[in-house]
Structure formats: structure tokens, C-alpha cells
Protein backbone atom coordinates (compact mmCIF):
# COMPACT_ATOMS: atom_id res chain seq x y z
CA UNK A 1 -70.39 21.70 -15.37
CA UNK A 2 -70.01 17.91 -15.98
CA UNK A 3 -73.23 16.14 -16.69
CA UNK A 4 -73.71 13.72 -13.92
CA UNK A 5 -75.01 11.26 -15.91
CA UNK A 6 -72.66 10.89 -18.60
CA UNK A 7 -69.81 10.65 -15.50
CA UNK A 8 -71.99 7.96 -13.55
CA UNK A 9 -72.13 5.92 -16.92
CA UNK A 10 -68.20 6.35 -17.78
CA UNK A 11 -67.67 5.24 -14.13
CA UNK A 12 -69.72 2.20 -14.63
CA UNK A 13 -68.29 1.63 -17.77
CA UNK A 14 -65.16 1.69 -16.36
CA UNK A 15 -65.75 -0.81 -13.61
CA UNK A 16 -67.17 -3.52 -15.97
CA UNK A 17 -64.10 -3.22 -18.15
CA UNK A 18 -61.41 -3.14 -15.13
CA UNK A 19 -63.25 -6.66 -14.24
CA UNK A 20 -63.38 -8.10 -17.26
CA UNK A 21 -60.33 -7.42 -18.52
CA UNK A 22 -59.02 -9.33 -15.77
CA UNK A 23 -60.44 -12.48 -16.67
CA UNK A 24 -59.58 -14.55 -19.25
CA UNK A 25 -61.97 -13.24 -21.88
CA UNK A 26 -60.80 -10.78 -24.07
CA UNK A 27 -61.47 -10.37 -27.66
CA UNK A 28 -58.03 -10.11 -29.05
CA UNK A 29 -58.53 -11.82 -32.78
CA UNK A 30 -61.09 -11.78 -35.27
CA UNK A 31 -64.17 -14.03 -34.42
CA UNK A 32 -62.85 -14.01 -30.28
CA UNK A 33 -60.49 -16.32 -28.23
CA UNK A 34 -61.53 -19.44 -30.10
CA UNK A 35 -62.11 -18.23 -33.41
CA UNK A 36 -65.69 -19.13 -33.67
CA UNK A 37 -67.29 -16.11 -33.30
CA UNK A 38 -69.05 -16.79 -29.75
CA UNK A 39 -68.55 -14.05 -26.40
CA UNK A 40 -67.78 -14.71 -23.09
CA UNK A 41 -70.97 -15.70 -20.82
CA UNK A 42 -72.74 -12.11 -20.33
CA UNK A 43 -75.49 -9.62 -20.91
CA UNK A 44 -75.44 -8.12 -24.18
CA UNK A 45 -77.35 -4.97 -25.85
CA UNK A 46 -80.48 -6.18 -28.54
CA UNK A 47 -81.57 -3.23 -29.15
CA UNK A 48 -79.83 -0.13 -30.91
CA UNK A 49 -79.97 2.56 -32.86
CA UNK A 50 -77.89 6.34 -34.39
CA UNK A 51 -79.57 8.08 -30.96
CA UNK A 52 -80.29 4.60 -29.12
CA UNK A 53 -77.93 2.82 -26.60
CA UNK A 54 -75.02 4.21 -28.15
CA UNK A 55 -72.50 5.18 -25.93
CA UNK A 56 -69.82 6.47 -28.18
CA UNK A 57 -69.04 7.09 -31.90
CA UNK A 58 -65.90 8.14 -32.88
CA UNK A 59 -65.54 9.02 -36.40
CA UNK A 60 -62.61 7.28 -38.40
CA UNK A 61 -62.47 8.87 -41.53
CA UNK A 62 -60.62 9.85 -43.67
CA UNK A 63 -58.70 6.46 -43.29
CA UNK A 64 -60.87 3.33 -44.03
CA UNK A 65 -60.99 -0.33 -43.80
CA UNK A 66 -62.54 -3.08 -43.31
CA UNK A 67 -60.79 -5.12 -40.26
CA UNK A 68 -62.51 -6.03 -37.42
CA UNK A 69 -61.50 -4.45 -33.89
CA UNK A 70 -59.75 -6.08 -31.12
CA UNK A 71 -59.64 -5.44 -27.43
CA UNK A 72 -57.44 -5.83 -24.53
CA UNK A 73 -56.41 -3.82 -21.54
CA UNK A 74 -59.20 -1.40 -22.03
CA UNK A 75 -57.96 -0.50 -25.32
CA UNK A 76 -59.45 -1.02 -28.85
CA UNK A 77 -57.05 -1.42 -31.92
CA UNK A 78 -57.87 -1.96 -35.63
CA UNK A 79 -56.28 -1.03 -39.01
CA UNK A 80 -57.11 1.66 -41.31
CA UNK A 81 -55.83 3.45 -44.69
CA UNK A 82 -55.59 6.90 -45.90
CA UNK A 83 -56.25 6.33 -49.88
CA UNK A 84 -54.82 8.88 -52.34
CA UNK A 85 -57.25 8.35 -55.49
CA UNK A 86 -55.24 8.03 -58.60
CA UNK A 87 -55.34 10.72 -61.52
CA UNK A 88 -57.81 9.82 -64.52
CA UNK A 89 -54.43 9.70 -66.34
CA UNK A 90 -52.84 7.02 -63.89
CA UNK A 91 -55.95 5.40 -63.62
CA UNK A 92 -56.04 4.73 -67.61
CA UNK A 93 -52.32 3.72 -67.68
CA UNK A 94 -52.61 1.10 -65.39
CA UNK A 95 -55.76 -0.17 -66.84
CA UNK A 96 -53.93 -0.33 -69.91
CA UNK A 97 -51.28 -2.52 -68.78
CA UNK A 98 -53.02 -5.01 -67.06
CA UNK A 99 -54.36 -8.79 -68.06
CA UNK A 100 -57.25 -8.70 -66.38
CA UNK A 101 -60.21 -8.42 -68.50
CA UNK A 102 -62.40 -6.67 -65.45
CA UNK A 103 -59.54 -3.87 -64.71
CA UNK A 104 -61.12 -0.79 -65.22
CA UNK A 105 -63.99 -1.94 -62.58
CA UNK A 106 -61.50 -2.10 -60.15
CA UNK A 107 -60.42 0.92 -57.13
CA UNK A 108 -56.83 2.71 -58.44
CA UNK A 109 -54.40 4.87 -55.84
CA UNK A 110 -51.97 6.92 -56.42
CA UNK A 111 -50.48 6.58 -52.85
CA UNK A 112 -51.89 4.34 -49.55
CA UNK A 113 -50.61 4.90 -46.01
CA UNK A 114 -51.81 1.30 -43.73
CA UNK A 115 -52.36 2.49 -40.31
CA UNK A 116 -52.52 0.96 -36.51
CA UNK A 117 -55.44 2.85 -34.68
CA UNK A 118 -55.56 2.51 -30.78
CA UNK A 119 -58.77 3.98 -29.21
CA UNK A 120 -59.80 4.08 -25.50
CA UNK A 121 -62.41 1.54 -24.70
CA UNK A 122 -64.53 3.98 -22.14
CA UNK A 123 -64.32 7.35 -24.12
CA UNK A 124 -64.19 6.08 -27.74
CA UNK A 125 -61.26 9.03 -28.18
CA UNK A 126 -58.30 8.26 -30.69
CA UNK A 127 -55.24 7.89 -28.61
CA UNK A 128 -52.77 6.61 -31.47
CA UNK A 129 -52.28 6.32 -34.99
CA UNK A 130 -49.17 4.83 -35.92
CA UNK A 131 -48.37 4.63 -39.65
CA UNK A 132 -46.94 1.21 -40.74
CA UNK A 133 -46.14 1.54 -44.17
CA UNK A 134 -46.78 3.53 -47.29
CA UNK A 135 -46.39 2.50 -50.88
CA UNK A 136 -47.39 4.49 -54.09
CA UNK A 137 -49.20 3.07 -56.92
CA UNK A 138 -50.42 0.05 -54.73
CA UNK A 139 -51.91 -2.77 -56.74
CA UNK A 140 -55.60 -1.96 -57.79
CA UNK A 141 -58.66 -3.46 -55.45
CA UNK A 142 -62.33 -4.82 -55.71
CA UNK A 143 -64.51 -1.89 -54.85
CA UNK A 144 -66.13 -3.79 -52.23
CA UNK A 145 -63.39 -4.67 -50.61
CA UNK A 146 -60.40 -2.37 -48.77
CA UNK A 147 -56.48 -2.00 -48.12
CA UNK A 148 -57.27 -2.96 -44.43
CA UNK A 149 -59.57 -5.96 -44.75
CA UNK A 150 -57.38 -8.48 -42.37
CA UNK A 151 -58.14 -7.78 -38.65
CA UNK A 152 -55.43 -7.55 -36.26
CA UNK A 153 -54.17 -9.36 -33.65
CA UNK A 154 -53.00 -9.14 -29.90
CA UNK A 155 -50.87 -11.81 -28.16
CA UNK A 156 -49.16 -10.99 -24.82
CA UNK A 157 -48.66 -7.14 -25.01
CA UNK A 158 -47.93 -7.93 -28.82
CA UNK A 159 -50.53 -6.31 -31.74
CA UNK A 160 -49.83 -7.68 -34.85
CA UNK A 161 -51.17 -5.94 -38.27
CA UNK A 162 -51.13 -7.33 -41.39
CA UNK A 163 -51.87 -5.96 -44.88
CA UNK A 164 -51.40 -9.27 -47.33
CA UNK A 165 -48.72 -8.16 -49.92
CA UNK A 166 -48.42 -5.29 -48.19
CA UNK A 167 -46.67 -6.37 -45.23
CA UNK A 168 -46.36 -7.34 -41.80
CA UNK A 169 -46.21 -5.94 -38.60
CA UNK A 170 -45.68 -6.35 -34.85
CA UNK A 171 -46.22 -3.12 -32.94
CA UNK A 172 -46.09 -2.72 -28.94
CA UNK A 173 -50.02 -3.07 -28.03
CA UNK A 174 -49.80 -0.65 -25.29
CA UNK A 175 -47.15 1.80 -26.56
CA UNK A 176 -47.48 1.78 -30.28
CA UNK A 177 -44.10 1.59 -30.74
CA UNK A 178 -42.89 -0.53 -33.62
CA UNK A 179 -41.23 -3.63 -32.95
CA UNK A 180 -40.47 -5.34 -36.43
CA UNK A 181 -41.55 -5.04 -40.29
CA UNK A 182 -41.86 -7.51 -42.59
CA UNK A 183 -42.03 -6.38 -46.90
CA UNK A 184 -40.26 -9.63 -47.50
CA UNK A 185 -40.85 -9.29 -51.73
CA UNK A 186 -40.66 -13.21 -51.23
CA UNK A 187 -43.73 -12.32 -49.81
CA UNK A 188 -45.50 -10.54 -51.96
CA UNK A 189 -48.15 -11.45 -54.18
CA UNK A 190 -51.19 -10.41 -56.51
CA UNK A 191 -53.94 -10.11 -54.81
CA UNK A 192 -56.31 -8.71 -57.59
CA UNK A 193 -58.90 -8.08 -55.19
CA UNK A 194 -56.71 -6.92 -52.68
CA UNK A 195 -55.75 -8.81 -48.75
CA UNK A 196 -58.15 -10.22 -47.25
CA UNK A 197 -56.84 -13.30 -44.79
CA UNK A 198 -56.40 -12.53 -41.00
CA UNK A 199 -53.34 -14.11 -39.67
CA UNK A 200 -53.55 -16.59 -36.84
CA UNK A 201 -50.88 -17.26 -33.76
CA UNK A 202 -49.56 -20.62 -32.61
CA UNK A 203 -47.17 -20.72 -30.49
CA UNK A 204 -44.36 -18.45 -31.14
CA UNK A 205 -45.47 -18.34 -35.29
CA UNK A 206 -47.44 -15.99 -37.02
CA UNK A 207 -49.43 -17.90 -39.91
CA UNK A 208 -51.37 -16.47 -42.45
CA UNK A 209 -52.03 -17.61 -45.94
CA UNK A 210 -50.90 -15.70 -49.73
CA UNK A 211 -53.16 -17.03 -51.72
CA UNK A 212 -53.03 -14.10 -55.10
CA UNK A 213 -53.86 -15.36 -58.86
CA UNK A 214 -50.38 -15.66 -59.38
CA UNK A 215 -48.54 -17.87 -56.58
CA UNK A 216 -49.98 -19.58 -53.82
CA UNK A 217 -48.48 -20.58 -50.19
CA UNK A 218 -48.99 -20.32 -46.26
CA UNK A 219 -46.25 -18.55 -44.62
CA UNK A 220 -45.07 -18.37 -40.42
CA UNK A 221 -42.97 -15.74 -39.13
CA UNK A 222 -41.41 -15.50 -36.02
CA UNK A 223 -43.45 -13.59 -33.52
CA UNK A 224 -40.39 -11.98 -31.91
CA UNK A 225 -38.56 -10.45 -34.73
CA UNK A 226 -41.11 -11.48 -38.25
CA UNK A 227 -38.46 -13.30 -39.42
CA UNK A 228 -39.51 -16.35 -42.32
CA UNK A 229 -39.58 -19.67 -40.48
CA UNK A 230 -41.71 -21.38 -43.16
CA UNK A 231 -43.07 -21.12 -46.46
CA UNK A 232 -45.25 -24.10 -48.27
CA UNK A 233 -46.14 -23.91 -51.50
CA UNK A 234 -49.96 -24.86 -52.29
CA UNK A 235 -49.48 -28.15 -54.34
CA UNK A 236 -53.02 -28.83 -55.55
CA UNK A 237 -53.98 -28.57 -59.37
CA UNK A 238 -55.91 -25.33 -59.78
CA UNK A 239 -57.82 -24.01 -63.13
CA UNK A 240 -55.78 -21.72 -65.60
CA UNK A 241 -57.40 -18.97 -65.51
CA UNK A 242 -55.81 -17.03 -62.82
CA UNK A 243 -58.94 -15.25 -61.33
CA UNK A 244 -59.78 -18.79 -59.96
CA UNK A 245 -56.47 -19.62 -58.22
CA UNK A 246 -56.89 -16.31 -55.46
CA UNK A 247 -58.52 -17.09 -51.67
CA UNK A 248 -58.70 -14.96 -49.08
CA UNK A 249 -59.30 -17.34 -45.91
CA UNK A 250 -58.09 -17.48 -42.65
CA UNK A 251 -56.33 -20.55 -41.68
CA UNK A 252 -57.15 -22.21 -38.03
CA UNK A 253 -55.55 -25.10 -35.45
CA UNK A 254 -57.45 -28.28 -34.99
CA UNK A 255 -55.96 -30.07 -32.12
CA UNK A 256 -56.15 -33.71 -32.70
CA UNK A 257 -55.70 -36.85 -30.55
CA UNK A 258 -52.16 -36.75 -32.77
CA UNK A 259 -51.31 -33.49 -32.84
CA UNK A 260 -52.19 -30.04 -34.07
CA UNK A 261 -53.18 -29.72 -37.82
CA UNK A 262 -53.41 -26.37 -39.65
CA UNK A 263 -56.80 -26.00 -41.34
CA UNK A 264 -56.38 -24.24 -44.33
CA UNK A 265 -58.76 -23.39 -47.38
CA UNK A 266 -57.38 -22.22 -50.80
CA UNK A 267 -58.66 -22.60 -53.84
CA UNK A 268 -60.22 -25.57 -54.60
CA UNK A 269 -58.52 -27.48 -52.42
CA UNK A 270 -58.85 -27.86 -48.33
CA UNK A 271 -55.32 -28.56 -46.76
CA UNK A 272 -53.96 -29.98 -43.50
CA UNK A 273 -50.50 -28.78 -42.69
CA UNK A 274 -47.98 -29.83 -39.77
CA UNK A 275 -48.46 -26.15 -38.04
CA UNK A 276 -44.15 -25.74 -36.74
CA UNK A 277 -42.72 -26.60 -40.01
CA UNK A 278 -45.67 -26.40 -42.62
CA UNK A 279 -45.18 -29.80 -44.21
CA UNK A 280 -48.75 -30.68 -45.83
CA UNK A 281 -50.51 -33.61 -43.86
CA UNK A 282 -53.01 -34.28 -46.76
CA UNK A 283 -55.47 -32.45 -49.02
CA UNK A 284 -59.12 -32.70 -50.55
CA UNK A 285 -60.30 -31.30 -53.48
CA UNK A 286 -63.50 -29.83 -53.13
CA UNK A 287 -65.21 -31.65 -56.43
CA UNK A 288 -66.66 -28.40 -57.47
CA UNK A 289 -64.91 -25.12 -58.70
CA UNK A 290 -64.30 -23.05 -55.21
CA UNK A 291 -62.29 -20.25 -54.56
CA UNK A 292 -61.85 -16.35 -53.41
CA UNK A 293 -62.51 -18.33 -49.69
CA UNK A 294 -62.99 -15.53 -47.46
CA UNK A 295 -65.50 -17.48 -44.69
CA UNK A 296 -63.27 -18.89 -41.19
CA UNK A 297 -63.73 -22.79 -40.99
CA UNK A 298 -65.14 -24.18 -37.88
CA UNK A 299 -64.54 -26.85 -35.71
CA UNK A 300 -66.27 -29.12 -32.91
CA UNK A 301 -64.64 -31.72 -31.55
CA UNK A 302 -63.72 -34.08 -34.51
CA UNK A 303 -66.12 -31.93 -37.01
CA UNK A 304 -64.72 -29.59 -39.24
CA UNK A 305 -67.00 -27.28 -41.07
CA UNK A 306 -65.92 -25.53 -44.36
CA UNK A 307 -67.48 -23.14 -47.29
CA UNK A 308 -65.85 -23.68 -50.51
CA UNK A 309 -66.22 -20.19 -51.59
CA UNK A 310 -67.04 -19.04 -55.52
CA UNK A 311 -68.62 -19.78 -57.96
CA UNK A 312 -71.03 -22.25 -56.54
CA UNK A 313 -70.29 -22.55 -52.95
CA UNK A 314 -70.99 -25.69 -50.78
CA UNK A 315 -70.73 -26.13 -47.06
CA UNK A 316 -68.58 -29.70 -46.01
CA UNK A 317 -68.39 -31.05 -42.76
CA UNK A 318 -65.37 -33.53 -42.41
CA UNK A 319 -64.59 -36.24 -39.67
CA UNK A 320 -61.00 -35.56 -38.30
CA UNK A 321 -59.10 -38.51 -38.00
CA UNK A 322 -55.78 -37.48 -36.02
CA UNK A 323 -52.77 -36.43 -38.83
CA UNK A 324 -54.87 -38.23 -41.55
CA UNK A 325 -56.96 -36.95 -44.40
CA UNK A 326 -60.27 -36.48 -42.90
CA UNK A 327 -63.76 -37.85 -44.40
CA UNK A 328 -66.40 -36.38 -45.67
CA UNK A 329 -69.26 -36.54 -43.39
CA UNK A 330 -72.07 -34.25 -45.01
CA UNK A 331 -72.24 -31.10 -47.88
CA UNK A 332 -74.84 -28.32 -47.84
CA UNK A 333 -75.07 -27.17 -51.90
CA UNK A 334 -77.50 -24.71 -51.42
CA UNK A 335 -77.33 -21.44 -49.41
CA UNK A 336 -73.71 -21.65 -48.56
CA UNK A 337 -72.07 -18.54 -47.73
CA UNK A 338 -68.89 -17.16 -49.69
CA UNK A 339 -68.31 -14.21 -47.18
CA UNK A 340 -69.58 -14.86 -43.81
CA UNK A 341 -68.33 -17.17 -41.89
CA UNK A 342 -70.82 -20.53 -40.24
CA UNK A 343 -71.40 -20.04 -36.90
CA UNK A 344 -72.58 -22.92 -34.32
CA UNK A 345 -74.70 -22.53 -31.90
CA UNK A 346 -76.74 -25.48 -29.70
CA UNK A 347 -75.60 -28.56 -32.36
CA UNK A 348 -77.53 -26.34 -35.30
CA UNK A 349 -75.04 -24.50 -38.06
CA UNK A 350 -76.16 -20.78 -38.96
CA UNK A 351 -75.27 -19.79 -42.56
CA UNK A 352 -75.86 -17.15 -44.12
CA UNK A 353 -75.28 -16.35 -47.48
CA UNK A 354 -73.96 -13.19 -49.20
CA UNK A 355 -77.75 -12.54 -50.26
CA UNK A 356 -79.23 -13.24 -46.64
CA UNK A 357 -80.14 -16.50 -46.84
CA UNK A 358 -80.31 -17.97 -43.23
CA UNK A 359 -79.81 -21.64 -43.32
CA UNK A 360 -79.92 -23.88 -40.39
CA UNK A 361 -78.65 -27.30 -40.60
CA UNK A 362 -77.98 -30.02 -37.91
CA UNK A 363 -74.47 -30.45 -36.88
CA UNK A 364 -73.92 -34.35 -37.50
CA UNK A 365 -75.99 -35.12 -40.92
CA UNK A 366 -76.69 -31.56 -42.47
CA UNK A 367 -80.10 -32.48 -42.88
CA UNK A 368 -81.82 -29.12 -42.97
CA UNK A 369 -84.10 -27.44 -39.93
CA UNK A 370 -84.86 -24.61 -41.62
CA UNK A 371 -84.33 -21.53 -44.34
CA UNK A 372 -85.63 -17.71 -44.32
CA UNK A 373 -84.35 -14.82 -46.22
CA UNK A 374 -83.07 -11.78 -43.90
CA UNK A 375 -83.00 -8.31 -45.36
CA UNK A 376 -79.77 -7.02 -47.65
CA UNK A 377 -76.57 -8.06 -48.62
CA UNK A 378 -74.07 -9.78 -46.30
CA UNK A 379 -70.59 -10.00 -45.99
CA UNK A 380 -69.60 -9.64 -41.68
CA UNK A 381 -69.53 -12.69 -39.48
CA UNK A 382 -72.22 -13.78 -37.45
CA UNK A 383 -71.72 -13.32 -33.32
CA UNK A 384 -72.96 -15.23 -30.82
CA UNK A 385 -74.05 -12.91 -27.72
CA UNK A 386 -76.14 -13.47 -24.79
CA UNK A 387 -78.31 -15.98 -26.27
CA UNK A 388 -78.68 -14.45 -29.68
CA UNK A 389 -76.93 -14.34 -33.05
CA UNK A 390 -76.34 -11.08 -34.52
CA UNK A 391 -76.75 -10.82 -38.49
CA UNK A 392 -75.11 -7.69 -39.87
CA UNK A 393 -75.90 -6.59 -43.45
CA UNK A 394 -73.97 -4.43 -45.62
CA UNK A 395 -75.80 -1.60 -45.25
CA UNK A 396 -75.90 -1.17 -41.13
CA UNK A 397 -78.87 -3.16 -40.29
CA UNK A 398 -78.24 -6.11 -37.46
CA UNK A 399 -80.78 -8.76 -37.18
CA UNK A 400 -81.11 -10.14 -33.65
CA UNK A 401 -82.29 -14.10 -33.61
CA UNK A 402 -82.85 -16.22 -30.45
CA UNK A 403 -81.19 -19.31 -31.79
CA UNK A 404 -83.41 -22.40 -32.52
CA UNK A 405 -85.35 -24.92 -34.85
CA UNK A 406 -87.77 -21.93 -36.57
CA UNK A 407 -86.94 -18.47 -36.95
CA UNK A 408 -87.63 -16.09 -34.07
CA UNK A 409 -86.45 -12.24 -34.64
CA UNK A 410 -85.66 -10.42 -31.68
CA UNK A 411 -85.28 -7.12 -32.74
CA UNK A 412 -83.55 -4.91 -35.84
CA UNK A 413 -81.46 -2.23 -35.37
CA UNK A 414 -80.29 0.25 -38.53
CA UNK A 415 -76.76 2.43 -38.04
CA UNK A 416 -76.35 5.08 -40.56
CA UNK A 417 -73.75 3.29 -42.59
CA UNK A 418 -73.20 -0.27 -43.59
CA UNK A 419 -70.25 -2.17 -42.53
CA UNK A 420 -68.31 -5.29 -43.43
CA UNK A 421 -66.61 -6.02 -40.28
CA UNK A 422 -67.85 -8.00 -37.44
CA UNK A 423 -68.44 -6.83 -33.79
CA UNK A 424 -66.25 -7.24 -31.27
CA UNK A 425 -68.03 -8.00 -27.89
CA UNK A 426 -67.20 -6.10 -24.58
CA UNK A 427 -68.52 -6.40 -21.24
CA UNK A 428 -72.34 -5.60 -21.50
CA UNK A 429 -71.70 -4.22 -24.98
CA UNK A 430 -70.56 -4.47 -28.54
CA UNK A 431 -68.05 -2.67 -30.69
CA UNK A 432 -68.69 -2.44 -34.16
CA UNK A 433 -66.88 -0.58 -37.10
CA UNK A 434 -69.15 0.72 -39.99
CA UNK A 435 -67.61 2.45 -42.95
CA UNK A 436 -67.48 5.74 -41.03
CA UNK A 437 -67.12 5.43 -37.65
CA UNK A 438 -66.53 3.10 -34.39
CA UNK A 439 -69.57 2.86 -32.20
CA UNK A 440 -69.76 1.32 -28.59
CA UNK A 441 -73.41 0.04 -27.86
CA UNK A 442 -74.33 -0.46 -24.56
CA UNK A 443 -77.89 -0.30 -22.96
CA UNK A 444 -78.39 2.62 -21.38
CA UNK A 445 -80.76 4.24 -18.18
CA UNK A 446 -83.81 6.10 -19.64
């Protein structure tokens, strides 16, 4: 006999999901509909644990990845990778061949399979596992990274998956049927630490960064065919050390009164490009060493806020001026994030750095409002949903705060394992990918 409570829960979940997907709000890309980490208006859970307010939990092992899930039409998609570790002899040989001083500390494989996984939003059941690519002796990656870190993207019934130098592909978002693949050798780079940059969609283009230790460029593919439309090499002069040339950031589009500008953060420079043809419009040097950028910029009206990345990261705010070079308005030199993206709520900019220092500054002048420490190390970008901001550390602890002019912690929630993926808000719930499983978090009746 079926459990009536569980049956009722699934019925309510189905109705919420049905009415939600009929509207405009869907979590089709990393950082949400507007790329800023804001969920649609609604009620979201603030309290959970391994055995509390968990609608379902689906184990994803043996595949792994740090990409964030996307949601549309009652389906969840994420990317993952199945790893076959290199033997001791294989690793020793590849370390010997490498010129990177830290090569011995990297993660080496004999083979990797790149997957796109579809799950049912209501039940959590895995519906499809599509093998997109397979590669032997792939580039080594940093042990904190994964082979499936760039997040997928849903656009008009198509799923775009990107694995950096390993390739890009387009699938039918309903059936999982492969529409095209692109593994152009001219789009291959040396990531050193593995792939990280997530693509964005603009008109008929799929745009992403390829910033390696050897080559650095921005690329646009045709969404319909996967063919290369344009590729623009970075023009800014970089330091000689190859390790300071790489970056893992995600671009975004600024809509100005003079037309759209592709905002792109790379090593040592921020660039503005014409998105339709890749023409460089302007570039600005950070003024400090900045590389391995991960955090995604945010835009509010004509104000652009970026993080410069490693080594001593800073937060910079620029005033956009159409297609002209923007002007620096303010900078934050202490507490800037290297991996987590900043988030803007009520004209306050919240940034949590990798070590857990949460800094809040005024949007318009960068003046410090407050600064406090949260527990743990941070990689996931924060999410604003239901009037709260969610900060998740790498050990699986999420601190929920009420945004304001002082720290107000509402709840602290712990899952069994940590995660670097960001939340995907759904109607009255959250989907989160940890190191071992995918969870649907939702308030449940006692």
C-alpha cells in the first residue's frame, strides 16, 4: 500500500512545479534568470538537515562534478564526469613530462567520461545519463576542481554543456538526443587546474572564455550548429609566468544605451567586447596581479562590480559609459572573494571570501557597512531567495542570513558532505548538488 503522506507531498510538489513552469521564472543558468543569484519572489526553506526537510536525495556517485544544476519543465539537468584514476606509473610519467612545478600535486586520470544527467524534479529519479565525450589521459586538474565544473545552460528546449578544452555540445533538453558536438583543436587550451568557465547565451550565440596558461581568448559558437562564429584573443599584456595567465570566469552582457557590451574578466584585465562579432571595445588593467578569476561580475543599472581574483584579490566598481571605457568608481582592497561571486541586495553588496570573511559595502561608494567571519572555506556563490541570503561552505554548512546593516543569522544548516555548486531555487524549495548527491530541500509538514 502506498504511503498517503508521501503521495500527498508528490501531488502538492507536482502542482507547485506545474504552475511555476508555466510562468517566466526558471533556473536555466548558473546564478539564475538574470545571472545575479536572485530567485523569483516566493517562500523558500531556511531550515534543514540530513533528516529534516529533505524531499528526496539522489546519489550521483560514481560520477562527480561541481557544476550547478539547472531546472526547466519539471526536469533537472547537470553535468558530471566518471573518472578512471591513473596508475602510479602513469602519474609518475606524466609528472616527469610536465613543466609545472606543482605537477605532482595535481589529479591524474587514465580516462574520463563526460556526462549530462537528467533527473525528475518531483521524484529525484535519474531519467537519462548521456555520455557526451570520452577522453584518455586527459589534462590533470587541481584536486579541489572537477572535470565537470562549468554549469550547463538551457535555452529554448536545448541543453548546452561545456567542459572547457574537452569540448562543448548541444542536446535536446527533453529527450537528451545529441544535436551537435564541438571539439575543435583550435579551441583547446591548457587549463592547468581544469575547466571552470560557464558559457552564456546571447541571441543565437553561445559565448565562453578559454583562458589557459598557453592561450587566452573569448569564443562564440552558433547555438544551432556549434560552428565557430568568432574568437578574439586577449590583447592585454600579461606576466611571463604561465600560471598567472589562466582564468576561469564567466562573461555577462551589459545592456547600455549605446548597445550591448560583453563584460569579460580575464587575467590582469577586464575587457569589453561587441558580442555580435567579438570586437574589443576597451580594456582596463586591474593595477594589481589578478588571475584564476572565478567570481561572476554583477551589474546594477550602469554600475559594474567585479573581483580581480588571485593573488591579493580586490573588488572593483566601474561606471559604464555606453561602448566607451568605463571609469573606476571605488575599490575594496580587503576581504574580496576569489571564487564566490558577489551578490547585491537592497543596494548593499555582500561578498564572502574563500576564507569565510563576509563583507558588506554600500553599492554606490564602496563604504564598509560591516564585516564578520562565517565558519569554513567557501567556493559556492551565494543565493538570495525569499528575503534571505544563503552562504554554503565547502563542508556542507549553509548559513542563512537576513540582509541588513548588521549580521543577523537566521539558521545554520548542515548536510553530510560539502559542495562547491550553487543552489538552484525551485517553487518553495532548493536543489543543491553536494560531493555525493543531489538534494531537493523543501519544508515538509510534521
